[in-house]
Each structure stands twice: as C-alpha cells, then as structure tokens.
Amino acid sequence: MDFRFGNKKLLALYEHGRGQEDFPRSAVKGFFKAVAAVEAMPDERDLYKMKSLHCEKLKGERGSRGERSLRLDGQWRLIFILGSDDDGKFINFLEIVDYH
C-alpha cells in the first residue's frame, strides 16, 4: 500500500534515521516495522488483520478527523489517516505520540 508522511520529522526519520533520539528505541523499531508492514499490504483492510499493529480508529476530536493509530510499543503510537487520489488509496502518517 502507498504511504506518505504528513510530517517532515517522520520523513527524516524514515529516510535518514534523523530524530531517533526523540523516541525510545522500541518506538523507533516499531515505527520501521509498521511502515514496512504497510508497504507490503495490498490495501488498508490488512491493517486490521495484522493483530500485532493494534490498528484502531481514535475517539473524540481525533476520531472525528478520521485519525487512526498503529501501536509501536506499549506506550507509543503512529497516528495516520487514510486518503485517496487519482493513483488510489494511501496512508498519510501524521505523527508519533505518547498515547498515555
């Protein structure tokens, strides 16, 4: 599945490994695993089939904006939204957050 980064810091982390010091090692490792899993998926329905990602729609204001999360470790989550354009559907990764 196609993905994009709605945040320059996430793009720098993905492309160059910059910013790793901002997060625990387990969250960074989970980030790269989650992005690799998304890249290998044919469509967004597989996000829910892969139980280790704990994909869920967020509640409240974030949920009303269509935001969802993938669990990176016990504490950190990767927030994203689903989008589409002429090329088809894609995931737009927004941020890594401490979701406690």
C-alpha atoms as a PDB file:
ATOM      1  CA  MET A   1       0.000   0.000   0.000  1.00  0.00           C
ATOM      2  CA  ASP A   2       1.222   3.502  -0.736  1.00  0.00           C
ATOM      3  CA  PHE A   3       2.107   5.773   2.137  1.00  0.00           C
ATOM      4  CA  ARG A   4       3.113   9.378   2.660  1.00  0.00           C
ATOM      5  CA  PHE A   5       4.383  11.471   5.514  1.00  0.00           C
ATOM      6  CA  GLY A   6       2.388  14.494   6.645  1.00  0.00           C
ATOM      7  CA  ASN A   7       5.239  15.445   8.958  1.00  0.00           C
ATOM      8  CA  LYS A   8       8.802  16.384   7.929  1.00  0.00           C
ATOM      9  CA  LYS A   9      10.222  14.845  11.097  1.00  0.00           C
ATOM     10  CA  LEU A  10       8.723  11.444  10.249  1.00  0.00           C
ATOM     11  CA  LEU A  11      10.052  11.694   6.711  1.00  0.00           C
ATOM     12  CA  ALA A  12      13.563  12.486   8.045  1.00  0.00           C
ATOM     13  CA  LEU A  13      13.320   9.554  10.460  1.00  0.00           C
ATOM     14  CA  TYR A  14      12.261   7.200   7.677  1.00  0.00           C
ATOM     15  CA  GLU A  15      14.714   8.369   5.011  1.00  0.00           C
ATOM     16  CA  HIS A  16      17.792   9.277   7.066  1.00  0.00           C
ATOM     17  CA  GLY A  17      17.230   7.968  10.596  1.00  0.00           C
ATOM     18  CA  ARG A  18      17.289  11.523  11.958  1.00  0.00           C
ATOM     19  CA  GLY A  19      15.361  12.192  15.144  1.00  0.00           C
ATOM     20  CA  GLN A  20      15.695   8.740  16.652  1.00  0.00           C
ATOM     21  CA  GLU A  21      16.866  10.308  19.903  1.00  0.00           C
ATOM     22  CA  ASP A  22      13.411  11.883  20.336  1.00  0.00           C
ATOM     23  CA  PHE A  23      11.804   8.493  20.955  1.00  0.00           C
ATOM     24  CA  PRO A  24      12.594   5.309  22.868  1.00  0.00           C
ATOM     25  CA  ARG A  25      14.458   2.679  20.868  1.00  0.00           C
ATOM     26  CA  SER A  26      11.434   0.340  20.986  1.00  0.00           C
ATOM     27  CA  ALA A  27       9.204   3.024  19.409  1.00  0.00           C
ATOM     28  CA  VAL A  28      11.692   3.660  16.591  1.00  0.00           C
ATOM     29  CA  LYS A  29      11.995  -0.060  15.940  1.00  0.00           C
ATOM     30  CA  GLY A  30       8.189  -0.347  15.933  1.00  0.00           C
ATOM     31  CA  PHE A  31       7.944   2.600  13.533  1.00  0.00           C
ATOM     32  CA  PHE A  32      10.139   0.923  10.933  1.00  0.00           C
ATOM     33  CA  LYS A  33       8.315  -2.393  11.364  1.00  0.00           C
ATOM     34  CA  ALA A  34       4.908  -0.708  10.965  1.00  0.00           C
ATOM     35  CA  VAL A  35       5.944   1.214   7.856  1.00  0.00           C
ATOM     36  CA  ALA A  36       7.431  -1.940   6.302  1.00  0.00           C
ATOM     37  CA  ALA A  37       4.219  -3.858   7.060  1.00  0.00           C
ATOM     38  CA  VAL A  38       2.072  -1.135   5.500  1.00  0.00           C
ATOM     39  CA  GLU A  39       4.280  -1.043   2.419  1.00  0.00           C
ATOM     40  CA  ALA A  40       3.805  -4.804   1.941  1.00  0.00           C
ATOM     41  CA  MET A  41      -0.007  -4.677   2.304  1.00  0.00           C
ATOM     42  CA  PRO A  42      -2.256  -4.620  -0.770  1.00  0.00           C
ATOM     43  CA  ASP A  43      -4.892  -2.428   0.920  1.00  0.00           C
ATOM     44  CA  GLU A  44      -5.972  -0.899   4.235  1.00  0.00           C
ATOM     45  CA  ARG A  45      -8.158  -3.841   5.262  1.00  0.00           C
ATOM     46  CA  ASP A  46      -4.991  -5.792   6.007  1.00  0.00           C
ATOM     47  CA  LEU A  47      -4.167  -3.279   8.764  1.00  0.00           C
ATOM     48  CA  TYR A  48      -6.943  -4.760  10.851  1.00  0.00           C
ATOM     49  CA  LYS A  49      -5.963  -8.348  10.064  1.00  0.00           C
ATOM     50  CA  MET A  50      -2.441  -7.844  11.389  1.00  0.00           C
ATOM     51  CA  LYS A  51      -3.235  -8.031  15.106  1.00  0.00           C
ATOM     52  CA  SER A  52       0.264  -7.015  16.238  1.00  0.00           C
ATOM     53  CA  LEU A  53      -0.294  -3.480  14.891  1.00  0.00           C
ATOM     54  CA  HIS A  54      -3.420  -2.952  17.006  1.00  0.00           C
ATOM     55  CA  CYS A  55      -4.908  -0.683  14.348  1.00  0.00           C
ATOM     56  CA  GLU A  56      -7.792   1.315  15.743  1.00  0.00           C
ATOM     57  CA  LYS A  57      -9.848   4.368  14.981  1.00  0.00           C
ATOM     58  CA  LEU A  58      -9.272   7.069  17.563  1.00  0.00           C
ATOM     59  CA  LYS A  59     -12.060   8.580  19.626  1.00  0.00           C
ATOM     60  CA  GLY A  60     -13.031  12.156  20.322  1.00  0.00           C
ATOM     61  CA  GLU A  61     -11.720  15.035  18.246  1.00  0.00           C
ATOM     62  CA  ARG A  62      -9.030  12.922  16.601  1.00  0.00           C
ATOM     63  CA  GLY A  63     -11.596  10.317  15.621  1.00  0.00           C
ATOM     64  CA  SER A  64     -13.866  12.940  14.108  1.00  0.00           C
ATOM     65  CA  ARG A  65     -10.941  13.921  11.849  1.00  0.00           C
ATOM     66  CA  GLY A  66     -10.631  10.297  10.738  1.00  0.00           C
ATOM     67  CA  GLU A  67      -7.375   9.642  12.568  1.00  0.00           C
ATOM     68  CA  ARG A  68      -6.319   6.102  13.409  1.00  0.00           C
ATOM     69  CA  SER A  69      -3.335   4.616  15.177  1.00  0.00           C
ATOM     70  CA  LEU A  70      -0.880   1.746  14.951  1.00  0.00           C
ATOM     71  CA  ARG A  71       0.804   0.627  18.142  1.00  0.00           C
ATOM     72  CA  LEU A  72       4.599   0.865  18.011  1.00  0.00           C
ATOM     73  CA  ASP A  73       5.206  -0.466  21.512  1.00  0.00           C
ATOM     74  CA  GLY A  74       3.310  -0.488  24.799  1.00  0.00           C
ATOM     75  CA  GLN A  75       3.283   3.301  25.042  1.00  0.00           C
ATOM     76  CA  TRP A  76       3.886   4.916  21.627  1.00  0.00           C
ATOM     77  CA  ARG A  77       1.571   5.037  18.606  1.00  0.00           C
ATOM     78  CA  LEU A  78       1.867   6.074  14.994  1.00  0.00           C
ATOM     79  CA  ILE A  79      -1.068   8.301  14.034  1.00  0.00           C
ATOM     80  CA  PHE A  80      -2.334   8.234  10.451  1.00  0.00           C
ATOM     81  CA  ILE A  81      -5.282   8.975   8.210  1.00  0.00           C
ATOM     82  CA  LEU A  82      -6.461   7.166   5.110  1.00  0.00           C
ATOM     83  CA  GLY A  83      -6.619   9.177   1.914  1.00  0.00           C
ATOM     84  CA  SER A  84      -7.111   8.715  -1.792  1.00  0.00           C
ATOM     85  CA  ASP A  85      -6.187  10.470  -5.001  1.00  0.00           C
ATOM     86  CA  ASP A  86      -6.040   9.631  -8.709  1.00  0.00           C
ATOM     87  CA  ASP A  87      -3.473   6.915  -8.016  1.00  0.00           C
ATOM     88  CA  GLY A  88      -5.681   5.178  -5.440  1.00  0.00           C
ATOM     89  CA  LYS A  89      -5.747   4.868  -1.669  1.00  0.00           C
ATOM     90  CA  PHE A  90      -2.826   5.733   0.581  1.00  0.00           C
ATOM     91  CA  ILE A  91      -1.905   6.123   4.236  1.00  0.00           C
ATOM     92  CA  ASN A  92      -0.702   9.507   5.451  1.00  0.00           C
ATOM     93  CA  PHE A  93       1.450   9.122   8.568  1.00  0.00           C
ATOM     94  CA  LEU A  94       0.996  12.192  10.781  1.00  0.00           C
ATOM     95  CA  GLU A  95       2.989  11.773  13.982  1.00  0.00           C
ATOM     96  CA  ILE A  96       4.355   9.506  16.659  1.00  0.00           C
ATOM     97  CA  VAL A  97       2.712  10.183  20.017  1.00  0.00           C
ATOM     98  CA  ASP A  98       2.981   9.020  23.596  1.00  0.00           C
ATOM     99  CA  TYR A  99      -0.587   7.803  23.953  1.00  0.00           C
ATOM    100  CA  HIS A 100      -0.991   7.625  27.742  1.00  0.00           C
END
